[in-house]
């Protein structure tokens, strides 16, 4: 049994297309389980996307800091201080 399967269940209200629900029942017996499975896949994918964005942002910060350390800032030549 996975962590997802052993987690407590919470009833929720969803508004779904009636014809789509009726047709989907021909493909899966447990619509709640299928929706939960698909929602978990969506959440996992979004987690991955956000992680990649964080990694890209961190890489940009590292690159920017390296550039600044090597070349300084354009504004440094124009400081009135």
PDB file of N, CA and C in Angstrom:
ATOM      1  N   UNK A   1       0.847  -1.180   0.000  1.00  0.00           N
ATOM      2  CA  UNK A   1       0.000   0.000   0.000  1.00  0.00           C
ATOM      3  C   UNK A   1       0.898   1.251   0.000  1.00  0.00           C
ATOM      4  N   UNK A   2       0.655   2.180  -0.943  1.00  0.00           N
ATOM      5  CA  UNK A   2       1.463   3.389  -1.025  1.00  0.00           C
ATOM      6  C   UNK A   2       0.971   4.434  -0.040  1.00  0.00           C
ATOM      7  N   UNK A   3       1.774   5.479   0.145  1.00  0.00           N
ATOM      8  CA  UNK A   3       1.378   6.564   1.049  1.00  0.00           C
ATOM      9  C   UNK A   3       0.091   7.215   0.566  1.00  0.00           C
ATOM     10  N   UNK A   4      -0.048   7.316  -0.750  1.00  0.00           N
ATOM     11  CA  UNK A   4      -1.258   7.915  -1.314  1.00  0.00           C
ATOM     12  C   UNK A   4      -2.481   7.077  -0.971  1.00  0.00           C
ATOM     13  N   UNK A   5      -2.349   5.775  -1.063  1.00  0.00           N
ATOM     14  CA  UNK A   5      -3.479   4.892  -0.776  1.00  0.00           C
ATOM     15  C   UNK A   5      -3.832   4.869   0.703  1.00  0.00           C
ATOM     16  N   UNK A   6      -2.845   5.068   1.577  1.00  0.00           N
ATOM     17  CA  UNK A   6      -3.109   4.991   3.006  1.00  0.00           C
ATOM     18  C   UNK A   6      -3.509   6.334   3.603  1.00  0.00           C
ATOM     19  N   UNK A   7      -3.421   7.422   2.821  1.00  0.00           N
ATOM     20  CA  UNK A   7      -3.794   8.741   3.327  1.00  0.00           C
ATOM     21  C   UNK A   7      -5.306   8.807   3.538  1.00  0.00           C
ATOM     22  N   UNK A   8      -5.697   9.618   4.499  1.00  0.00           N
ATOM     23  CA  UNK A   8      -7.122   9.799   4.772  1.00  0.00           C
ATOM     24  C   UNK A   8      -7.812  10.406   3.550  1.00  0.00           C
ATOM     25  N   UNK A   9      -9.023  10.027   3.319  1.00  0.00           N
ATOM     26  CA  UNK A   9      -9.798  10.529   2.187  1.00  0.00           C
ATOM     27  C   UNK A   9     -10.699  11.660   2.657  1.00  0.00           C
ATOM     28  N   UNK A  10     -10.857  12.661   1.800  1.00  0.00           N
ATOM     29  CA  UNK A  10     -11.716  13.790   2.114  1.00  0.00           C
ATOM     30  C   UNK A  10     -12.734  13.933   0.987  1.00  0.00           C
ATOM     31  N   UNK A  11     -13.996  13.909   1.302  1.00  0.00           N
ATOM     32  CA  UNK A  11     -14.987  14.100   0.241  1.00  0.00           C
ATOM     33  C   UNK A  11     -14.947  15.544  -0.261  1.00  0.00           C
ATOM     34  N   UNK A  12     -14.989  15.697  -1.564  1.00  0.00           N
ATOM     35  CA  UNK A  12     -15.017  17.024  -2.184  1.00  0.00           C
ATOM     36  C   UNK A  12     -16.103  17.046  -3.251  1.00  0.00           C
ATOM     37  N   UNK A  13     -16.545  18.231  -3.575  1.00  0.00           N
ATOM     38  CA  UNK A  13     -17.531  18.389  -4.632  1.00  0.00           C
ATOM     39  C   UNK A  13     -16.826  18.863  -5.891  1.00  0.00           C
ATOM     40  N   UNK A  14     -17.066  18.169  -6.981  1.00  0.00           N
ATOM     41  CA  UNK A  14     -16.536  18.556  -8.278  1.00  0.00           C
ATOM     42  C   UNK A  14     -17.703  18.736  -9.237  1.00  0.00           C
ATOM     43  N   UNK A  15     -17.593  19.711 -10.092  1.00  0.00           N
ATOM     44  CA  UNK A  15     -18.585  19.888 -11.148  1.00  0.00           C
ATOM     45  C   UNK A  15     -17.940  19.400 -12.435  1.00  0.00           C
ATOM     46  N   UNK A  16     -18.445  18.274 -12.924  1.00  0.00           N
ATOM     47  CA  UNK A  16     -17.893  17.657 -14.117  1.00  0.00           C
ATOM     48  C   UNK A  16     -18.981  17.505 -15.170  1.00  0.00           C
ATOM     49  N   UNK A  17     -18.558  17.505 -16.424  1.00  0.00           N
ATOM     50  CA  UNK A  17     -19.473  17.317 -17.530  1.00  0.00           C
ATOM     51  C   UNK A  17     -20.167  15.969 -17.370  1.00  0.00           C
ATOM     52  N   UNK A  18     -21.489  15.991 -17.342  1.00  0.00           N
ATOM     53  CA  UNK A  18     -22.265  14.783 -17.070  1.00  0.00           C
ATOM     54  C   UNK A  18     -22.034  13.700 -18.127  1.00  0.00           C
ATOM     55  N   UNK A  19     -21.974  14.080 -19.375  1.00  0.00           N
ATOM     56  CA  UNK A  19     -21.753  13.106 -20.441  1.00  0.00           C
ATOM     57  C   UNK A  19     -20.354  12.492 -20.329  1.00  0.00           C
ATOM     58  N   UNK A  20     -19.384  13.306 -19.979  1.00  0.00           N
ATOM     59  CA  UNK A  20     -18.023  12.814 -19.821  1.00  0.00           C
ATOM     60  C   UNK A  20     -17.937  11.821 -18.663  1.00  0.00           C
ATOM     61  N   UNK A  21     -18.603  12.117 -17.572  1.00  0.00           N
ATOM     62  CA  UNK A  21     -18.621  11.203 -16.427  1.00  0.00           C
ATOM     63  C   UNK A  21     -19.286   9.888 -16.817  1.00  0.00           C
ATOM     64  N   UNK A  22     -20.394   9.979 -17.512  1.00  0.00           N
ATOM     65  CA  UNK A  22     -21.120   8.770 -17.927  1.00  0.00           C
ATOM     66  C   UNK A  22     -20.239   7.908 -18.850  1.00  0.00           C
ATOM     67  N   UNK A  23     -19.573   8.544 -19.809  1.00  0.00           N
ATOM     68  CA  UNK A  23     -18.716   7.791 -20.728  1.00  0.00           C
ATOM     69  C   UNK A  23     -17.489   7.221 -20.010  1.00  0.00           C
ATOM     70  N   UNK A  24     -16.929   7.988 -19.071  1.00  0.00           N
ATOM     71  CA  UNK A  24     -15.728   7.531 -18.372  1.00  0.00           C
ATOM     72  C   UNK A  24     -15.986   6.277 -17.552  1.00  0.00           C
ATOM     73  N   UNK A  25     -17.189   6.102 -17.103  1.00  0.00           N
ATOM     74  CA  UNK A  25     -17.515   4.917 -16.307  1.00  0.00           C
ATOM     75  C   UNK A  25     -17.351   3.631 -17.122  1.00  0.00           C
ATOM     76  N   UNK A  26     -17.407   3.737 -18.439  1.00  0.00           N
ATOM     77  CA  UNK A  26     -17.190   2.563 -19.294  1.00  0.00           C
ATOM     78  C   UNK A  26     -15.721   2.162 -19.302  1.00  0.00           C
ATOM     79  N   UNK A  27     -14.830   3.097 -18.943  1.00  0.00           N
ATOM     80  CA  UNK A  27     -13.391   2.839 -18.986  1.00  0.00           C
ATOM     81  C   UNK A  27     -12.784   2.570 -17.620  1.00  0.00           C
ATOM     82  N   UNK A  28     -13.424   3.033 -16.580  1.00  0.00           N
ATOM     83  CA  UNK A  28     -12.891   2.777 -15.237  1.00  0.00           C
ATOM     84  C   UNK A  28     -14.056   2.578 -14.277  1.00  0.00           C
ATOM     85  N   UNK A  29     -13.883   1.646 -13.397  1.00  0.00           N
ATOM     86  CA  UNK A  29     -14.948   1.358 -12.446  1.00  0.00           C
ATOM     87  C   UNK A  29     -14.990   2.344 -11.294  1.00  0.00           C
ATOM     88  N   UNK A  30     -13.826   2.829 -10.881  1.00  0.00           N
ATOM     89  CA  UNK A  30     -13.750   3.709  -9.733  1.00  0.00           C
ATOM     90  C   UNK A  30     -13.286   5.086 -10.193  1.00  0.00           C
ATOM     91  N   UNK A  31     -14.235   5.951 -10.477  1.00  0.00           N
ATOM     92  CA  UNK A  31     -13.927   7.278 -11.005  1.00  0.00           C
ATOM     93  C   UNK A  31     -13.132   8.108 -10.005  1.00  0.00           C
ATOM     94  N   UNK A  32     -13.433   7.996  -8.730  1.00  0.00           N
ATOM     95  CA  UNK A  32     -12.689   8.745  -7.714  1.00  0.00           C
ATOM     96  C   UNK A  32     -11.219   8.358  -7.708  1.00  0.00           C
ATOM     97  N   UNK A  33     -10.941   7.069  -7.794  1.00  0.00           N
ATOM     98  CA  UNK A  33      -9.551   6.602  -7.797  1.00  0.00           C
ATOM     99  C   UNK A  33      -8.828   7.103  -9.051  1.00  0.00           C
ATOM    100  N   UNK A  34      -9.510   7.090 -10.189  1.00  0.00           N
ATOM    101  CA  UNK A  34      -8.889   7.540 -11.432  1.00  0.00           C
ATOM    102  C   UNK A  34      -8.598   9.040 -11.379  1.00  0.00           C
ATOM    103  N   UNK A  35      -9.540   9.823 -10.892  1.00  0.00           N
ATOM    104  CA  UNK A  35      -9.327  11.270 -10.774  1.00  0.00           C
ATOM    105  C   UNK A  35      -8.187  11.542  -9.803  1.00  0.00           C
ATOM    106  N   UNK A  36      -8.143  10.807  -8.708  1.00  0.00           N
ATOM    107  CA  UNK A  36      -7.061  10.972  -7.729  1.00  0.00           C
ATOM    108  C   UNK A  36      -5.703  10.629  -8.356  1.00  0.00           C
ATOM    109  N   UNK A  37      -5.656   9.566  -9.122  1.00  0.00           N
ATOM    110  CA  UNK A  37      -4.420   9.166  -9.807  1.00  0.00           C
ATOM    111  C   UNK A  37      -3.962  10.257 -10.779  1.00  0.00           C
ATOM    112  N   UNK A  38      -4.891  10.791 -11.547  1.00  0.00           N
ATOM    113  CA  UNK A  38      -4.558  11.833 -12.525  1.00  0.00           C
ATOM    114  C   UNK A  38      -4.153  13.133 -11.823  1.00  0.00           C
ATOM    115  N   UNK A  39      -4.811  13.454 -10.732  1.00  0.00           N
ATOM    116  CA  UNK A  39      -4.470  14.658  -9.977  1.00  0.00           C
ATOM    117  C   UNK A  39      -3.084  14.522  -9.359  1.00  0.00           C
ATOM    118  N   UNK A  40      -2.751  13.333  -8.877  1.00  0.00           N
ATOM    119  CA  UNK A  40      -1.412  13.098  -8.322  1.00  0.00           C
ATOM    120  C   UNK A  40      -0.348  13.264  -9.399  1.00  0.00           C
ATOM    121  N   UNK A  41      -0.613  12.761 -10.595  1.00  0.00           N
ATOM    122  CA  UNK A  41       0.338  12.908 -11.704  1.00  0.00           C
ATOM    123  C   UNK A  41       0.524  14.383 -12.054  1.00  0.00           C
ATOM    124  N   UNK A  42      -0.561  15.146 -12.032  1.00  0.00           N
ATOM    125  CA  UNK A  42      -0.487  16.579 -12.309  1.00  0.00           C
ATOM    126  C   UNK A  42       0.345  17.302 -11.244  1.00  0.00           C
ATOM    127  N   UNK A  43       0.091  16.997  -9.988  1.00  0.00           N
ATOM    128  CA  UNK A  43       0.830  17.626  -8.885  1.00  0.00           C
ATOM    129  C   UNK A  43       2.309  17.273  -8.977  1.00  0.00           C
ATOM    130  N   UNK A  44       2.620  16.023  -9.268  1.00  0.00           N
ATOM    131  CA  UNK A  44       4.025  15.611  -9.410  1.00  0.00           C
ATOM    132  C   UNK A  44       4.704  16.381 -10.540  1.00  0.00           C
ATOM    133  N   UNK A  45       4.016  16.534 -11.661  1.00  0.00           N
ATOM    134  CA  UNK A  45       4.580  17.266 -12.797  1.00  0.00           C
ATOM    135  C   UNK A  45       4.807  18.733 -12.447  1.00  0.00           C
ATOM    136  N   UNK A  46       3.866  19.352 -11.736  1.00  0.00           N
ATOM    137  CA  UNK A  46       4.017  20.752 -11.347  1.00  0.00           C
ATOM    138  C   UNK A  46       5.157  20.929 -10.352  1.00  0.00           C
ATOM    139  N   UNK A  47       5.313  19.971  -9.446  1.00  0.00           N
ATOM    140  CA  UNK A  47       6.440  20.005  -8.513  1.00  0.00           C
ATOM    141  C   UNK A  47       7.763  19.984  -9.273  1.00  0.00           C
ATOM    142  N   UNK A  48       7.842  19.133 -10.284  1.00  0.00           N
ATOM    143  CA  UNK A  48       9.048  19.015 -11.097  1.00  0.00           C
ATOM    144  C   UNK A  48       9.327  20.322 -11.841  1.00  0.00           C
ATOM    145  N   UNK A  49       8.297  20.920 -12.418  1.00  0.00           N
ATOM    146  CA  UNK A  49       8.450  22.189 -13.140  1.00  0.00           C
ATOM    147  C   UNK A  49       8.959  23.275 -12.192  1.00  0.00           C
ATOM    148  N   UNK A  50       8.375  23.378 -11.031  1.00  0.00           N
ATOM    149  CA  UNK A  50       8.808  24.402 -10.071  1.00  0.00           C
ATOM    150  C   UNK A  50      10.234  24.167  -9.592  1.00  0.00           C
ATOM    151  N   UNK A  51      10.587  22.910  -9.412  1.00  0.00           N
ATOM    152  CA  UNK A  51      11.953  22.592  -9.013  1.00  0.00           C
ATOM    153  C   UNK A  51      12.934  23.007 -10.108  1.00  0.00           C
ATOM    154  N   UNK A  52      12.598  22.728 -11.346  1.00  0.00           N
ATOM    155  CA  UNK A  52      13.456  23.127 -12.459  1.00  0.00           C
ATOM    156  C   UNK A  52      13.585  24.645 -12.534  1.00  0.00           C
ATOM    157  N   UNK A  53      12.488  25.372 -12.320  1.00  0.00           N
ATOM    158  CA  UNK A  53      12.541  26.834 -12.334  1.00  0.00           C
ATOM    159  C   UNK A  53      13.452  27.361 -11.226  1.00  0.00           C
ATOM    160  N   UNK A  54      13.356  26.766 -10.037  1.00  0.00           N
ATOM    161  CA  UNK A  54      14.226  27.175  -8.934  1.00  0.00           C
ATOM    162  C   UNK A  54      15.690  26.922  -9.274  1.00  0.00           C
ATOM    163  N   UNK A  55      15.970  25.767  -9.863  1.00  0.00           N
ATOM    164  CA  UNK A  55      17.345  25.444 -10.242  1.00  0.00           C
ATOM    165  C   UNK A  55      17.860  26.409 -11.305  1.00  0.00           C
ATOM    166  N   UNK A  56      17.020  26.756 -12.277  1.00  0.00           N
ATOM    167  CA  UNK A  56      17.427  27.700 -13.317  1.00  0.00           C
ATOM    168  C   UNK A  56      17.677  29.086 -12.719  1.00  0.00           C
ATOM    169  N   UNK A  57      16.827  29.504 -11.809  1.00  0.00           N
ATOM    170  CA  UNK A  57      17.005  30.811 -11.174  1.00  0.00           C
ATOM    171  C   UNK A  57      18.290  30.831 -10.352  1.00  0.00           C
ATOM    172  N   UNK A  58      18.548  29.759  -9.630  1.00  0.00           N
ATOM    173  CA  UNK A  58      19.776  29.691  -8.834  1.00  0.00           C
ATOM    174  C   UNK A  58      21.010  29.715  -9.734  1.00  0.00           C
ATOM    175  N   UNK A  59      20.952  29.015 -10.865  1.00  0.00           N
ATOM    176  CA  UNK A  59      22.071  29.025 -11.816  1.00  0.00           C
ATOM    177  C   UNK A  59      22.278  30.431 -12.381  1.00  0.00           C
ATOM    178  N   UNK A  60      21.189  31.147 -12.644  1.00  0.00           N
ATOM    179  CA  UNK A  60      21.297  32.514 -13.154  1.00  0.00           C
ATOM    180  C   UNK A  60      21.938  33.426 -12.113  1.00  0.00           C
ATOM    181  N   UNK A  61      21.586  33.253 -10.853  1.00  0.00           N
ATOM    182  CA  UNK A  61      22.183  34.050  -9.780  1.00  0.00           C
ATOM    183  C   UNK A  61      23.682  33.782  -9.694  1.00  0.00           C
ATOM    184  N   UNK A  62      24.057  32.523  -9.747  1.00  0.00           N
ATOM    185  CA  UNK A  62      25.475  32.158  -9.688  1.00  0.00           C
ATOM    186  C   UNK A  62      26.221  32.765 -10.869  1.00  0.00           C
ATOM    187  N   UNK A  63      25.653  32.658 -12.070  1.00  0.00           N
ATOM    188  CA  UNK A  63      26.303  33.224 -13.265  1.00  0.00           C
ATOM    189  C   UNK A  63      26.408  34.747 -13.171  1.00  0.00           C
ATOM    190  N   UNK A  64      25.338  35.387 -12.718  1.00  0.00           N
ATOM    191  CA  UNK A  64      25.353  36.849 -12.597  1.00  0.00           C
ATOM    192  C   UNK A  64      26.411  37.293 -11.584  1.00  0.00           C
ATOM    193  N   UNK A  65      26.473  36.620 -10.461  1.00  0.00           N
ATOM    194  CA  UNK A  65      27.470  36.969  -9.451  1.00  0.00           C
ATOM    195  C   UNK A  65      28.891  36.764  -9.974  1.00  0.00           C
ATOM    196  N   UNK A  66      29.118  35.705 -10.752  1.00  0.00           N
ATOM    197  CA  UNK A  66      30.438  35.463 -11.337  1.00  0.00           C
ATOM    198  C   UNK A  66      30.789  36.567 -12.324  1.00  0.00           C
ATOM    199  N   UNK A  67      29.825  36.983 -13.136  1.00  0.00           N
ATOM    200  CA  UNK A  67      30.053  38.074 -14.073  1.00  0.00           C
ATOM    201  C   UNK A  67      30.364  39.370 -13.324  1.00  0.00           C
ATOM    202  N   UNK A  68      29.613  39.639 -12.285  1.00  0.00           N
ATOM    203  CA  UNK A  68      29.835  40.858 -11.499  1.00  0.00           C
ATOM    204  C   UNK A  68      31.213  40.833 -10.840  1.00  0.00           C
ATOM    205  N   UNK A  69      31.605  39.683 -10.310  1.00  0.00           N
ATOM    206  CA  UNK A  69      32.928  39.560  -9.691  1.00  0.00           C
ATOM    207  C   UNK A  69      34.046  39.768 -10.713  1.00  0.00           C
ATOM    208  N   UNK A  70      33.838  39.281 -11.923  1.00  0.00           N
ATOM    209  CA  UNK A  70      34.872  39.374 -12.957  1.00  0.00           C
ATOM    210  C   UNK A  70      34.929  40.756 -13.602  1.00  0.00           C
ATOM    211  N   UNK A  71      33.776  41.370 -13.838  1.00  0.00           N
ATOM    212  CA  UNK A  71      33.746  42.602 -14.647  1.00  0.00           C
ATOM    213  C   UNK A  71      33.258  43.819 -13.849  1.00  0.00           C
ATOM    214  N   UNK A  72      32.729  43.591 -12.667  1.00  0.00           N
ATOM    215  CA  UNK A  72      32.142  44.696 -11.924  1.00  0.00           C
ATOM    216  C   UNK A  72      30.808  45.087 -12.513  1.00  0.00           C
ATOM    217  N   UNK A  73      30.344  46.234 -12.114  1.00  0.00           N
ATOM    218  CA  UNK A  73      29.056  46.724 -12.559  1.00  0.00           C
ATOM    219  C   UNK A  73      29.237  47.958 -13.418  1.00  0.00           C
ATOM    220  N   UNK A  74      28.438  48.104 -14.435  1.00  0.00           N
ATOM    221  CA  UNK A  74      28.462  49.293 -15.275  1.00  0.00           C
ATOM    222  C   UNK A  74      28.265  50.544 -14.419  1.00  0.00           C
ATOM    223  N   UNK A  75      27.429  50.436 -13.419  1.00  0.00           N
ATOM    224  CA  UNK A  75      27.118  51.581 -12.566  1.00  0.00           C
ATOM    225  C   UNK A  75      28.296  52.004 -11.715  1.00  0.00           C
ATOM    226  N   UNK A  76      29.246  51.114 -11.479  1.00  0.00           N
ATOM    227  CA  UNK A  76      30.400  51.455 -10.649  1.00  0.00           C
ATOM    228  C   UNK A  76      31.162  52.650 -11.213  1.00  0.00           C
ATOM    229  N   UNK A  77      31.259  52.766 -12.498  1.00  0.00           N
ATOM    230  CA  UNK A  77      31.985  53.866 -13.147  1.00  0.00           C
ATOM    231  C   UNK A  77      31.227  55.178 -13.053  1.00  0.00           C
ATOM    232  N   UNK A  78      29.972  55.140 -12.683  1.00  0.00           N
ATOM    233  CA  UNK A  78      29.137  56.338 -12.654  1.00  0.00           C
ATOM    234  C   UNK A  78      28.673  56.709 -11.255  1.00  0.00           C
ATOM    235  N   UNK A  79      29.241  56.089 -10.255  1.00  0.00           N
ATOM    236  CA  UNK A  79      28.838  56.361  -8.896  1.00  0.00           C
ATOM    237  C   UNK A  79      29.311  57.757  -8.477  1.00  0.00           C
ATOM    238  N   UNK A  80      28.427  58.465  -7.776  1.00  0.00           N
ATOM    239  CA  UNK A  80      28.809  59.802  -7.291  1.00  0.00           C
ATOM    240  C   UNK A  80      29.279  59.753  -5.848  1.00  0.00           C
ATOM    241  N   UNK A  81      29.381  58.582  -5.307  1.00  0.00           N
ATOM    242  CA  UNK A  81      29.807  58.449  -3.916  1.00  0.00           C
ATOM    243  C   UNK A  81      31.299  58.469  -3.785  1.00  0.00           C
TER     244      UNK A  81
END
